[in-house]
C-alpha atoms as a PDB file:
ATOM      1  CA  MET A   1      22.406 -25.527 -18.152  1.00  0.00           C
ATOM      2  CA  ASN A   2      24.823 -23.113 -16.584  1.00  0.00           C
ATOM      3  CA  ARG A   3      28.303 -23.918 -15.330  1.00  0.00           C
ATOM      4  CA  CYS A   4      26.913 -24.974 -11.907  1.00  0.00           C
ATOM      5  CA  GLY A   5      24.695 -27.590 -13.537  1.00  0.00           C
ATOM      6  CA  LEU A   6      21.448 -25.765 -12.793  1.00  0.00           C
ATOM      7  CA  GLY A   7      18.726 -25.625 -15.383  1.00  0.00           C
ATOM      8  CA  ARG A   8      17.042 -22.360 -16.371  1.00  0.00           C
ATOM      9  CA  TRP A   9      14.065 -23.047 -14.105  1.00  0.00           C
ATOM     10  CA  ALA A  10      16.407 -23.399 -11.113  1.00  0.00           C
ATOM     11  CA  GLN A  11      18.230 -20.180 -11.923  1.00  0.00           C
ATOM     12  CA  LYS A  12      14.944 -18.316 -12.190  1.00  0.00           C
ATOM     13  CA  HIS A  13      13.642 -19.597  -8.858  1.00  0.00           C
ATOM     14  CA  GLN A  14      16.724 -19.452  -6.637  1.00  0.00           C
ATOM     15  CA  TRP A  15      15.557 -16.056  -5.422  1.00  0.00           C
ATOM     16  CA  GLN A  16      12.573 -17.774  -3.767  1.00  0.00           C
ATOM     17  CA  PHE A  17      14.859 -19.786  -1.491  1.00  0.00           C
ATOM     18  CA  PHE A  18      16.818 -16.635  -0.747  1.00  0.00           C
ATOM     19  CA  ALA A  19      13.624 -14.681   0.015  1.00  0.00           C
ATOM     20  CA  SER A  20      12.393 -17.439   2.319  1.00  0.00           C
ATOM     21  CA  ALA A  21      15.701 -17.396   4.229  1.00  0.00           C
ATOM     22  CA  VAL A  22      15.607 -13.607   4.527  1.00  0.00           C
ATOM     23  CA  ILE A  23      12.050 -13.739   5.904  1.00  0.00           C
ATOM     24  CA  TRP A  24      13.148 -16.284   8.499  1.00  0.00           C
ATOM     25  CA  ILE A  25      16.270 -14.367   9.535  1.00  0.00           C
ATOM     26  CA  VAL A  26      14.814 -10.855   9.513  1.00  0.00           C
ATOM     27  CA  ILE A  27      11.207 -11.393  10.647  1.00  0.00           C
ATOM     28  CA  LEU A  28      10.337 -14.831  11.976  1.00  0.00           C
ATOM     29  CA  ILE A  29      13.230 -15.668  14.283  1.00  0.00           C
ATOM     30  CA  PRO A  30      13.271 -12.240  16.008  1.00  0.00           C
ATOM     31  CA  ALA A  31       9.466 -12.317  16.391  1.00  0.00           C
ATOM     32  CA  GLN A  32       9.618 -15.799  17.868  1.00  0.00           C
ATOM     33  CA  VAL A  33      12.322 -14.789  20.340  1.00  0.00           C
ATOM     34  CA  MET A  34      10.289 -11.740  21.423  1.00  0.00           C
ATOM     35  CA  GLN A  35       7.149 -13.859  21.827  1.00  0.00           C
ATOM     36  CA  SER A  36       9.055 -16.406  23.879  1.00  0.00           C
ATOM     37  CA  ARG A  37      10.333 -13.708  26.220  1.00  0.00           C
ATOM     38  CA  MET A  38       6.859 -12.210  26.517  1.00  0.00           C
ATOM     39  CA  ALA A  39       5.368 -15.632  27.240  1.00  0.00           C
ATOM     40  CA  SER A  40       7.826 -16.130  30.083  1.00  0.00           C
ATOM     41  CA  ALA A  41       6.821 -12.745  31.497  1.00  0.00           C
ATOM     42  CA  PHE A  42       3.053 -13.216  31.274  1.00  0.00           C
ATOM     43  CA  GLN A  43       3.202 -16.782  32.547  1.00  0.00           C
ATOM     44  CA  ASN A  44       3.180 -15.413  36.096  1.00  0.00           C
ATOM     45  CA  ASP A  45       1.175 -12.253  35.424  1.00  0.00           C
ATOM     46  CA  GLY A  46      -1.572 -13.906  33.407  1.00  0.00           C
ATOM     47  CA  THR A  47      -2.275 -11.001  31.045  1.00  0.00           C
ATOM     48  CA  ILE A  48      -1.192 -11.338  27.439  1.00  0.00           C
ATOM     49  CA  PRO A  49       0.049  -8.014  26.011  1.00  0.00           C
ATOM     50  CA  GLN A  50      -1.354  -6.673  22.735  1.00  0.00           C
ATOM     51  CA  ARG A  51       2.141  -6.679  21.207  1.00  0.00           C
ATOM     52  CA  TYR A  52       2.215 -10.475  21.588  1.00  0.00           C
ATOM     53  CA  TRP A  53      -0.898 -10.816  19.419  1.00  0.00           C
ATOM     54  CA  MET A  54       0.510  -8.372  16.860  1.00  0.00           C
ATOM     55  CA  LEU A  55       3.706 -10.453  16.633  1.00  0.00           C
ATOM     56  CA  SER A  56       1.550 -13.564  16.330  1.00  0.00           C
ATOM     57  CA  ARG A  57      -0.248 -12.102  13.292  1.00  0.00           C
ATOM     58  CA  ILE A  58       3.045 -11.012  11.740  1.00  0.00           C
ATOM     59  CA  TRP A  59       4.471 -14.482  12.337  1.00  0.00           C
ATOM     60  CA  ALA A  60       1.438 -16.169  10.756  1.00  0.00           C
ATOM     61  CA  ILE A  61       1.551 -14.004   7.624  1.00  0.00           C
ATOM     62  CA  ALA A  62       5.332 -14.000   7.142  1.00  0.00           C
ATOM     63  CA  GLY A  63       5.548 -17.692   8.069  1.00  0.00           C
ATOM     64  CA  SER A  64       2.949 -18.565   5.454  1.00  0.00           C
ATOM     65  CA  ILE A  65       4.866 -16.668   2.794  1.00  0.00           C
ATOM     66  CA  ALA A  66       8.183 -18.231   3.879  1.00  0.00           C
ATOM     67  CA  ALA A  67       6.597 -21.702   3.639  1.00  0.00           C
ATOM     68  CA  ILE A  68       4.856 -21.144   0.298  1.00  0.00           C
ATOM     69  CA  LEU A  69       7.985 -19.909  -1.490  1.00  0.00           C
ATOM     70  CA  PRO A  70       9.872 -23.250  -1.320  1.00  0.00           C
ATOM     71  CA  PHE A  71       6.709 -25.151  -2.294  1.00  0.00           C
ATOM     72  CA  THR A  72       6.494 -23.159  -5.515  1.00  0.00           C
ATOM     73  CA  VAL A  73      10.098 -24.109  -6.236  1.00  0.00           C
ATOM     74  CA  LEU A  74       9.156 -27.737  -5.563  1.00  0.00           C
ATOM     75  CA  TYR A  75       6.371 -27.420  -8.124  1.00  0.00           C
ATOM     76  CA  PHE A  76       8.833 -26.172 -10.739  1.00  0.00           C
ATOM     77  CA  MET A  77      11.321 -28.927  -9.823  1.00  0.00           C
ATOM     78  CA  VAL A  78       8.705 -31.611 -10.410  1.00  0.00           C
ATOM     79  CA  PHE A  79       6.958 -30.250 -13.499  1.00  0.00           C
ATOM     80  CA  LYS A  80       9.839 -28.256 -15.058  1.00  0.00           C
ATOM     81  CA  PRO A  81       7.759 -25.970 -17.263  1.00  0.00           C
ATOM     82  CA  GLN A  82       9.580 -24.480 -20.233  1.00  0.00           C
END
Protein backbone atom coordinates (compact mmCIF):
# COMPACT_ATOMS: atom_id res chain seq x y z
CA MET A 1 0.00 0.00 0.00
CA ASN A 2 1.14 3.52 -0.65
CA ARG A 3 0.67 6.49 1.65
CA CYS A 4 -2.81 7.19 0.17
CA GLY A 5 -3.98 3.70 1.10
CA LEU A 6 -4.18 2.46 -2.48
CA GLY A 7 -3.01 -1.00 -3.34
CA ARG A 8 -0.62 -1.67 -6.23
CA TRP A 9 -3.47 -2.68 -8.54
CA ALA A 10 -5.17 0.68 -7.93
CA GLN A 11 -1.99 2.63 -8.60
CA LYS A 12 -1.47 0.76 -11.85
CA HIS A 13 -5.00 1.39 -13.09
CA GLN A 14 -5.63 4.99 -12.05
CA TRP A 15 -4.57 6.07 -15.52
CA GLN A 16 -7.67 4.33 -16.92
CA PHE A 17 -9.98 6.64 -14.96
CA PHE A 18 -7.90 9.59 -16.09
CA ALA A 19 -8.01 8.44 -19.73
CA SER A 20 -11.78 7.99 -19.55
CA ALA A 21 -12.20 11.52 -18.18
CA VAL A 22 -9.94 12.96 -20.88
CA ILE A 23 -11.96 11.19 -23.59
CA TRP A 24 -15.16 12.66 -22.17
CA ILE A 25 -13.78 16.19 -21.83
CA VAL A 26 -11.85 16.36 -25.10
CA ILE A 27 -13.98 14.27 -27.49
CA LEU A 28 -17.41 13.24 -26.25
CA ILE A 29 -18.80 16.42 -24.71
CA PRO A 30 -17.74 18.68 -27.62
CA ALA A 31 -19.09 16.16 -30.16
CA GLN A 32 -22.38 15.94 -28.29
CA VAL A 33 -22.72 19.72 -28.16
CA MET A 34 -22.03 19.98 -31.91
CA GLN A 35 -24.55 17.24 -32.67
CA SER A 36 -27.16 18.95 -30.52
CA ARG A 37 -26.68 22.22 -32.38
CA MET A 38 -26.85 20.43 -35.72
CA ALA A 39 -30.01 18.60 -34.67
CA SER A 40 -31.67 21.90 -33.83
CA ALA A 41 -30.71 23.22 -37.27
CA PHE A 42 -31.88 20.22 -39.29
CA GLN A 43 -35.08 19.84 -37.30
CA ASN A 44 -36.68 22.45 -39.56
CA ASP A 45 -34.67 21.71 -42.71
CA GLY A 46 -35.08 17.94 -42.61
CA THR A 47 -31.70 17.03 -44.11
CA ILE A 48 -29.10 15.52 -41.82
CA PRO A 49 -25.57 16.71 -42.71
CA GLN A 50 -22.77 14.20 -43.27
CA ARG A 51 -20.75 15.78 -40.44
CA TYR A 52 -23.49 14.74 -38.00
CA TRP A 53 -23.04 11.08 -38.96
CA MET A 54 -19.25 11.40 -38.72
CA LEU A 55 -19.59 12.83 -35.19
CA SER A 56 -22.01 10.01 -34.39
CA ARG A 57 -19.40 7.40 -35.37
CA ILE A 58 -16.70 9.21 -33.40
CA TRP A 59 -19.02 9.38 -30.39
CA ALA A 60 -19.84 5.66 -30.62
CA ILE A 61 -16.18 4.61 -30.81
CA ALA A 62 -14.81 7.03 -28.20
CA GLY A 63 -17.84 6.45 -25.95
CA SER A 64 -17.28 2.71 -26.05
CA ILE A 65 -13.64 3.14 -25.08
CA ALA A 66 -14.53 5.63 -22.32
CA ALA A 67 -17.08 3.13 -20.93
CA ILE A 68 -14.83 0.07 -21.16
CA LEU A 69 -11.92 1.66 -19.30
CA PRO A 70 -13.72 1.95 -15.92
CA PHE A 71 -15.14 -1.57 -16.32
CA THR A 72 -11.63 -2.97 -16.57
CA VAL A 73 -10.77 -1.15 -13.35
CA LEU A 74 -13.89 -2.69 -11.79
CA TYR A 75 -12.63 -6.12 -12.82
CA PHE A 76 -9.30 -5.49 -11.08
CA MET A 77 -11.09 -4.12 -7.99
CA VAL A 78 -13.15 -7.29 -7.66
CA PHE A 79 -10.55 -9.93 -8.53
CA LYS A 80 -7.37 -8.10 -7.42
CA PRO A 81 -4.87 -10.12 -9.45
CA GLN A 82 -1.31 -10.09 -8.15
